[in-house]
């Protein structure tokens, strides 16, 4: 993560938030994902970051699909 995002405390906070969002998402197995955090991500809260990451995962088609899934995320 670039120093443009913020100081070490801010970068670590963003990193922890991204990891938590990905950990809680129901993603397909076998994917390696790389997220590049831009400057504005430091100003967003957890729910804004979560919304952006889930939208990207939905657009990429990497959500795990189960038989009882109605397409909701």
PDB file of N, CA and C in Angstrom:
ATOM      1  N   UNK A   1       0.850  -1.167   0.000  1.00  0.00           N
ATOM      2  CA  UNK A   1       0.000   0.000   0.000  1.00  0.00           C
ATOM      3  C   UNK A   1       0.899   1.234   0.000  1.00  0.00           C
ATOM      4  N   UNK A   2       0.532   2.185  -0.767  1.00  0.00           N
ATOM      5  CA  UNK A   2       1.339   3.381  -0.965  1.00  0.00           C
ATOM      6  C   UNK A   2       1.266   4.320   0.237  1.00  0.00           C
ATOM      7  N   UNK A   3       2.298   5.095   0.409  1.00  0.00           N
ATOM      8  CA  UNK A   3       2.312   6.108   1.468  1.00  0.00           C
ATOM      9  C   UNK A   3       1.332   7.236   1.190  1.00  0.00           C
ATOM     10  N   UNK A   4       0.846   7.325  -0.020  1.00  0.00           N
ATOM     11  CA  UNK A   4      -0.145   8.351  -0.357  1.00  0.00           C
ATOM     12  C   UNK A   4      -1.458   8.120   0.372  1.00  0.00           C
ATOM     13  N   UNK A   5      -1.709   6.884   0.792  1.00  0.00           N
ATOM     14  CA  UNK A   5      -2.946   6.569   1.502  1.00  0.00           C
ATOM     15  C   UNK A   5      -2.945   7.224   2.874  1.00  0.00           C
ATOM     16  N   UNK A   6      -1.814   7.322   3.497  1.00  0.00           N
ATOM     17  CA  UNK A   6      -1.721   7.928   4.820  1.00  0.00           C
ATOM     18  C   UNK A   6      -0.497   7.407   5.546  1.00  0.00           C
ATOM     19  N   UNK A   7      -0.406   7.756   6.823  1.00  0.00           N
ATOM     20  CA  UNK A   7       0.728   7.262   7.593  1.00  0.00           C
ATOM     21  C   UNK A   7       0.518   5.783   7.924  1.00  0.00           C
ATOM     22  N   UNK A   8       1.443   5.189   8.651  1.00  0.00           N
ATOM     23  CA  UNK A   8       1.403   3.751   8.916  1.00  0.00           C
ATOM     24  C   UNK A   8       0.137   3.332   9.650  1.00  0.00           C
ATOM     25  N   UNK A   9      -0.327   4.158  10.558  1.00  0.00           N
ATOM     26  CA  UNK A   9      -1.537   3.829  11.312  1.00  0.00           C
ATOM     27  C   UNK A   9      -2.740   3.751  10.373  1.00  0.00           C
ATOM     28  N   UNK A  10      -2.875   4.699   9.494  1.00  0.00           N
ATOM     29  CA  UNK A  10      -3.997   4.737   8.554  1.00  0.00           C
ATOM     30  C   UNK A  10      -3.904   3.580   7.577  1.00  0.00           C
ATOM     31  N   UNK A  11      -2.718   3.313   7.043  1.00  0.00           N
ATOM     32  CA  UNK A  11      -2.554   2.201   6.097  1.00  0.00           C
ATOM     33  C   UNK A  11      -2.902   0.872   6.749  1.00  0.00           C
ATOM     34  N   UNK A  12      -2.492   0.665   7.978  1.00  0.00           N
ATOM     35  CA  UNK A  12      -2.809  -0.584   8.672  1.00  0.00           C
ATOM     36  C   UNK A  12      -4.298  -0.699   8.952  1.00  0.00           C
ATOM     37  N   UNK A  13      -4.941   0.410   9.276  1.00  0.00           N
ATOM     38  CA  UNK A  13      -6.374   0.404   9.506  1.00  0.00           C
ATOM     39  C   UNK A  13      -7.125   0.026   8.232  1.00  0.00           C
ATOM     40  N   UNK A  14      -6.720   0.600   7.116  1.00  0.00           N
ATOM     41  CA  UNK A  14      -7.335   0.267   5.825  1.00  0.00           C
ATOM     42  C   UNK A  14      -7.086  -1.201   5.497  1.00  0.00           C
ATOM     43  N   UNK A  15      -5.890  -1.675   5.717  1.00  0.00           N
ATOM     44  CA  UNK A  15      -5.545  -3.072   5.445  1.00  0.00           C
ATOM     45  C   UNK A  15      -6.403  -4.017   6.285  1.00  0.00           C
ATOM     46  N   UNK A  16      -6.582  -3.705   7.563  1.00  0.00           N
ATOM     47  CA  UNK A  16      -7.406  -4.550   8.435  1.00  0.00           C
ATOM     48  C   UNK A  16      -8.868  -4.554   7.983  1.00  0.00           C
ATOM     49  N   UNK A  17      -9.368  -3.407   7.573  1.00  0.00           N
ATOM     50  CA  UNK A  17     -10.755  -3.333   7.107  1.00  0.00           C
ATOM     51  C   UNK A  17     -10.954  -4.148   5.836  1.00  0.00           C
ATOM     52  N   UNK A  18     -10.020  -4.036   4.898  1.00  0.00           N
ATOM     53  CA  UNK A  18     -10.122  -4.813   3.658  1.00  0.00           C
ATOM     54  C   UNK A  18     -10.084  -6.311   3.945  1.00  0.00           C
ATOM     55  N   UNK A  19      -9.187  -6.739   4.807  1.00  0.00           N
ATOM     56  CA  UNK A  19      -9.088  -8.160   5.145  1.00  0.00           C
ATOM     57  C   UNK A  19     -10.371  -8.667   5.785  1.00  0.00           C
ATOM     58  N   UNK A  20     -10.961  -7.879   6.664  1.00  0.00           N
ATOM     59  CA  UNK A  20     -12.188  -8.298   7.342  1.00  0.00           C
ATOM     60  C   UNK A  20     -13.348  -8.410   6.365  1.00  0.00           C
ATOM     61  N   UNK A  21     -13.456  -7.491   5.448  1.00  0.00           N
ATOM     62  CA  UNK A  21     -14.526  -7.554   4.444  1.00  0.00           C
ATOM     63  C   UNK A  21     -14.382  -8.814   3.611  1.00  0.00           C
ATOM     64  N   UNK A  22     -13.182  -9.094   3.148  1.00  0.00           N
ATOM     65  CA  UNK A  22     -12.956 -10.276   2.312  1.00  0.00           C
ATOM     66  C   UNK A  22     -13.165 -11.548   3.124  1.00  0.00           C
ATOM     67  N   UNK A  23     -12.780 -11.528   4.391  1.00  0.00           N
ATOM     68  CA  UNK A  23     -12.943 -12.712   5.242  1.00  0.00           C
ATOM     69  C   UNK A  23     -14.418 -13.056   5.419  1.00  0.00           C
ATOM     70  N   UNK A  24     -15.273 -12.065   5.554  1.00  0.00           N
ATOM     71  CA  UNK A  24     -16.691 -12.303   5.798  1.00  0.00           C
ATOM     72  C   UNK A  24     -17.500 -12.555   4.527  1.00  0.00           C
ATOM     73  N   UNK A  25     -16.950 -12.248   3.379  1.00  0.00           N
ATOM     74  CA  UNK A  25     -17.669 -12.434   2.119  1.00  0.00           C
ATOM     75  C   UNK A  25     -17.662 -13.917   1.736  1.00  0.00           C
ATOM     76  N   UNK A  26     -18.731 -14.348   1.101  1.00  0.00           N
ATOM     77  CA  UNK A  26     -18.837 -15.724   0.615  1.00  0.00           C
ATOM     78  C   UNK A  26     -18.267 -15.784  -0.793  1.00  0.00           C
ATOM     79  N   UNK A  27     -16.951 -15.992  -0.874  1.00  0.00           N
ATOM     80  CA  UNK A  27     -16.272 -15.992  -2.165  1.00  0.00           C
ATOM     81  C   UNK A  27     -15.945 -17.412  -2.595  1.00  0.00           C
ATOM     82  N   UNK A  28     -15.841 -17.616  -3.888  1.00  0.00           N
ATOM     83  CA  UNK A  28     -15.467 -18.911  -4.421  1.00  0.00           C
ATOM     84  C   UNK A  28     -14.042 -19.243  -4.021  1.00  0.00           C
ATOM     85  N   UNK A  29     -13.780 -20.525  -3.866  1.00  0.00           N
ATOM     86  CA  UNK A  29     -12.432 -20.990  -3.532  1.00  0.00           C
ATOM     87  C   UNK A  29     -11.517 -20.852  -4.745  1.00  0.00           C
ATOM     88  N   UNK A  30     -10.236 -20.681  -4.496  1.00  0.00           N
ATOM     89  CA  UNK A  30      -9.246 -20.701  -5.562  1.00  0.00           C
ATOM     90  C   UNK A  30      -8.954 -19.365  -6.215  1.00  0.00           C
ATOM     91  N   UNK A  31      -9.445 -18.286  -5.659  1.00  0.00           N
ATOM     92  CA  UNK A  31      -9.191 -16.967  -6.226  1.00  0.00           C
ATOM     93  C   UNK A  31      -8.121 -16.243  -5.427  1.00  0.00           C
ATOM     94  N   UNK A  32      -7.187 -15.631  -6.118  1.00  0.00           N
ATOM     95  CA  UNK A  32      -6.238 -14.711  -5.505  1.00  0.00           C
ATOM     96  C   UNK A  32      -6.664 -13.311  -5.933  1.00  0.00           C
ATOM     97  N   UNK A  33      -6.859 -12.452  -4.954  1.00  0.00           N
ATOM     98  CA  UNK A  33      -7.358 -11.111  -5.256  1.00  0.00           C
ATOM     99  C   UNK A  33      -6.359 -10.072  -4.773  1.00  0.00           C
ATOM    100  N   UNK A  34      -6.199  -9.029  -5.567  1.00  0.00           N
ATOM    101  CA  UNK A  34      -5.317  -7.923  -5.214  1.00  0.00           C
ATOM    102  C   UNK A  34      -6.154  -6.656  -5.221  1.00  0.00           C
ATOM    103  N   UNK A  35      -6.151  -5.963  -4.091  1.00  0.00           N
ATOM    104  CA  UNK A  35      -6.860  -4.697  -3.982  1.00  0.00           C
ATOM    105  C   UNK A  35      -5.829  -3.590  -3.900  1.00  0.00           C
ATOM    106  N   UNK A  36      -5.999  -2.576  -4.714  1.00  0.00           N
ATOM    107  CA  UNK A  36      -5.105  -1.423  -4.687  1.00  0.00           C
ATOM    108  C   UNK A  36      -5.877  -0.277  -4.054  1.00  0.00           C
ATOM    109  N   UNK A  37      -5.443   0.108  -2.868  1.00  0.00           N
ATOM    110  CA  UNK A  37      -6.132   1.158  -2.121  1.00  0.00           C
ATOM    111  C   UNK A  37      -5.675   2.522  -2.626  1.00  0.00           C
ATOM    112  N   UNK A  38      -6.623   3.335  -2.976  1.00  0.00           N
ATOM    113  CA  UNK A  38      -6.344   4.698  -3.422  1.00  0.00           C
ATOM    114  C   UNK A  38      -6.461   5.649  -2.241  1.00  0.00           C
ATOM    115  N   UNK A  39      -6.122   6.888  -2.457  1.00  0.00           N
ATOM    116  CA  UNK A  39      -6.055   7.882  -1.388  1.00  0.00           C
ATOM    117  C   UNK A  39      -7.390   8.044  -0.657  1.00  0.00           C
ATOM    118  N   UNK A  40      -8.495   8.054  -1.357  1.00  0.00           N
ATOM    119  CA  UNK A  40      -9.796   8.307  -0.743  1.00  0.00           C
ATOM    120  C   UNK A  40     -10.261   7.192   0.183  1.00  0.00           C
ATOM    121  N   UNK A  41      -9.693   6.010   0.081  1.00  0.00           N
ATOM    122  CA  UNK A  41     -10.132   4.909   0.942  1.00  0.00           C
ATOM    123  C   UNK A  41      -9.866   5.218   2.414  1.00  0.00           C
ATOM    124  N   UNK A  42      -8.885   6.032   2.703  1.00  0.00           N
ATOM    125  CA  UNK A  42      -8.572   6.390   4.092  1.00  0.00           C
ATOM    126  C   UNK A  42      -9.670   7.247   4.710  1.00  0.00           C
ATOM    127  N   UNK A  43     -10.459   7.915   3.894  1.00  0.00           N
ATOM    128  CA  UNK A  43     -11.529   8.764   4.402  1.00  0.00           C
ATOM    129  C   UNK A  43     -12.831   8.000   4.595  1.00  0.00           C
ATOM    130  N   UNK A  44     -12.923   6.804   4.038  1.00  0.00           N
ATOM    131  CA  UNK A  44     -14.148   6.022   4.126  1.00  0.00           C
ATOM    132  C   UNK A  44     -14.209   5.210   5.400  1.00  0.00           C
ATOM    133  N   UNK A  45     -15.424   4.927   5.848  1.00  0.00           N
ATOM    134  CA  UNK A  45     -15.572   4.064   7.013  1.00  0.00           C
ATOM    135  C   UNK A  45     -15.703   2.612   6.541  1.00  0.00           C
ATOM    136  N   UNK A  46     -15.876   1.712   7.495  1.00  0.00           N
ATOM    137  CA  UNK A  46     -15.926   0.280   7.197  1.00  0.00           C
ATOM    138  C   UNK A  46     -17.037  -0.042   6.195  1.00  0.00           C
ATOM    139  N   UNK A  47     -18.204   0.554   6.370  1.00  0.00           N
ATOM    140  CA  UNK A  47     -19.345   0.214   5.526  1.00  0.00           C
ATOM    141  C   UNK A  47     -19.188   0.723   4.093  1.00  0.00           C
ATOM    142  N   UNK A  48     -18.515   1.827   3.918  1.00  0.00           N
ATOM    143  CA  UNK A  48     -18.243   2.317   2.562  1.00  0.00           C
ATOM    144  C   UNK A  48     -17.230   1.409   1.870  1.00  0.00           C
ATOM    145  N   UNK A  49     -16.195   1.000   2.599  1.00  0.00           N
ATOM    146  CA  UNK A  49     -15.198   0.081   2.034  1.00  0.00           C
ATOM    147  C   UNK A  49     -15.856  -1.258   1.713  1.00  0.00           C
ATOM    148  N   UNK A  50     -16.701  -1.730   2.625  1.00  0.00           N
ATOM    149  CA  UNK A  50     -17.404  -3.002   2.423  1.00  0.00           C
ATOM    150  C   UNK A  50     -18.267  -2.939   1.167  1.00  0.00           C
ATOM    151  N   UNK A  51     -19.004  -1.857   1.002  1.00  0.00           N
ATOM    152  CA  UNK A  51     -19.850  -1.717  -0.175  1.00  0.00           C
ATOM    153  C   UNK A  51     -19.048  -1.722  -1.467  1.00  0.00           C
ATOM    154  N   UNK A  52     -17.915  -1.039  -1.465  1.00  0.00           N
ATOM    155  CA  UNK A  52     -17.082  -0.984  -2.670  1.00  0.00           C
ATOM    156  C   UNK A  52     -16.482  -2.352  -2.994  1.00  0.00           C
ATOM    157  N   UNK A  53     -15.995  -3.052  -1.972  1.00  0.00           N
ATOM    158  CA  UNK A  53     -15.382  -4.365  -2.205  1.00  0.00           C
ATOM    159  C   UNK A  53     -16.430  -5.367  -2.663  1.00  0.00           C
ATOM    160  N   UNK A  54     -17.589  -5.382  -2.026  1.00  0.00           N
ATOM    161  CA  UNK A  54     -18.635  -6.320  -2.427  1.00  0.00           C
ATOM    162  C   UNK A  54     -19.145  -6.033  -3.830  1.00  0.00           C
ATOM    163  N   UNK A  55     -19.214  -4.766  -4.200  1.00  0.00           N
ATOM    164  CA  UNK A  55     -19.619  -4.412  -5.557  1.00  0.00           C
ATOM    165  C   UNK A  55     -18.596  -4.917  -6.571  1.00  0.00           C
ATOM    166  N   UNK A  56     -17.321  -4.757  -6.257  1.00  0.00           N
ATOM    167  CA  UNK A  56     -16.272  -5.261  -7.158  1.00  0.00           C
ATOM    168  C   UNK A  56     -16.327  -6.782  -7.283  1.00  0.00           C
ATOM    169  N   UNK A  57     -16.538  -7.464  -6.173  1.00  0.00           N
ATOM    170  CA  UNK A  57     -16.615  -8.928  -6.205  1.00  0.00           C
ATOM    171  C   UNK A  57     -17.834  -9.389  -6.992  1.00  0.00           C
ATOM    172  N   UNK A  58     -18.953  -8.673  -6.835  1.00  0.00           N
ATOM    173  CA  UNK A  58     -20.155  -9.018  -7.590  1.00  0.00           C
ATOM    174  C   UNK A  58     -19.920  -8.844  -9.080  1.00  0.00           C
ATOM    175  N   UNK A  59     -19.293  -7.723  -9.449  1.00  0.00           N
ATOM    176  CA  UNK A  59     -19.029  -7.467 -10.868  1.00  0.00           C
ATOM    177  C   UNK A  59     -18.043  -8.464 -11.448  1.00  0.00           C
ATOM    178  N   UNK A  60     -17.117  -8.955 -10.616  1.00  0.00           N
ATOM    179  CA  UNK A  60     -16.134  -9.945 -11.079  1.00  0.00           C
ATOM    180  C   UNK A  60     -16.716 -11.351 -11.111  1.00  0.00           C
ATOM    181  N   UNK A  61     -17.850 -11.555 -10.446  1.00  0.00           N
ATOM    182  CA  UNK A  61     -18.490 -12.870 -10.452  1.00  0.00           C
ATOM    183  C   UNK A  61     -17.783 -13.891  -9.582  1.00  0.00           C
ATOM    184  N   UNK A  62     -17.243 -13.477  -8.450  1.00  0.00           N
ATOM    185  CA  UNK A  62     -16.492 -14.397  -7.605  1.00  0.00           C
ATOM    186  C   UNK A  62     -17.238 -14.798  -6.331  1.00  0.00           C
ATOM    187  N   UNK A  63     -18.530 -14.458  -6.230  1.00  0.00           N
ATOM    188  CA  UNK A  63     -19.300 -14.889  -5.071  1.00  0.00           C
ATOM    189  C   UNK A  63     -19.635 -16.364  -5.193  1.00  0.00           C
ATOM    190  N   UNK A  64     -19.641 -17.053  -4.065  1.00  0.00           N
ATOM    191  CA  UNK A  64     -19.990 -18.452  -4.025  1.00  0.00           C
ATOM    192  C   UNK A  64     -21.501 -18.572  -4.195  1.00  0.00           C
ATOM    193  N   UNK A  65     -21.919 -19.480  -5.058  1.00  0.00           N
ATOM    194  CA  UNK A  65     -23.343 -19.653  -5.328  1.00  0.00           C
ATOM    195  C   UNK A  65     -23.772 -20.992  -4.761  1.00  0.00           C
ATOM    196  N   UNK A  66     -24.790 -20.969  -3.920  1.00  0.00           N
ATOM    197  CA  UNK A  66     -25.339 -22.200  -3.361  1.00  0.00           C
ATOM    198  C   UNK A  66     -26.712 -22.451  -3.977  1.00  0.00           C
ATOM    199  N   UNK A  67     -27.231 -23.688  -3.889  1.00  0.00           N
ATOM    200  CA  UNK A  67     -28.531 -23.988  -4.495  1.00  0.00           C
ATOM    201  C   UNK A  67     -29.674 -23.153  -3.927  1.00  0.00           C
ATOM    202  N   UNK A  68     -29.611 -22.770  -2.656  1.00  0.00           N
ATOM    203  CA  UNK A  68     -30.690 -21.988  -2.063  1.00  0.00           C
ATOM    204  C   UNK A  68     -30.455 -20.489  -2.163  1.00  0.00           C
ATOM    205  N   UNK A  69     -29.410 -20.085  -2.880  1.00  0.00           N
ATOM    206  CA  UNK A  69     -29.085 -18.666  -3.032  1.00  0.00           C
ATOM    207  C   UNK A  69     -30.060 -18.027  -4.012  1.00  0.00           C
ATOM    208  N   UNK A  70     -30.617 -16.890  -3.624  1.00  0.00           N
ATOM    209  CA  UNK A  70     -31.566 -16.176  -4.466  1.00  0.00           C
ATOM    210  C   UNK A  70     -30.902 -15.030  -5.228  1.00  0.00           C
ATOM    211  N   UNK A  71     -29.561 -15.012  -5.247  1.00  0.00           N
ATOM    212  CA  UNK A  71     -28.856 -13.959  -5.950  1.00  0.00           C
ATOM    213  C   UNK A  71     -28.607 -12.730  -5.099  1.00  0.00           C
ATOM    214  N   UNK A  72     -28.947 -12.801  -3.816  1.00  0.00           N
ATOM    215  CA  UNK A  72     -28.746 -11.663  -2.933  1.00  0.00           C
ATOM    216  C   UNK A  72     -27.369 -11.728  -2.313  1.00  0.00           C
ATOM    217  N   UNK A  73     -26.795 -10.573  -2.094  1.00  0.00           N
ATOM    218  CA  UNK A  73     -25.461 -10.488  -1.486  1.00  0.00           C
ATOM    219  C   UNK A  73     -25.574  -9.876  -0.129  1.00  0.00           C
TER     220      UNK A  73
END
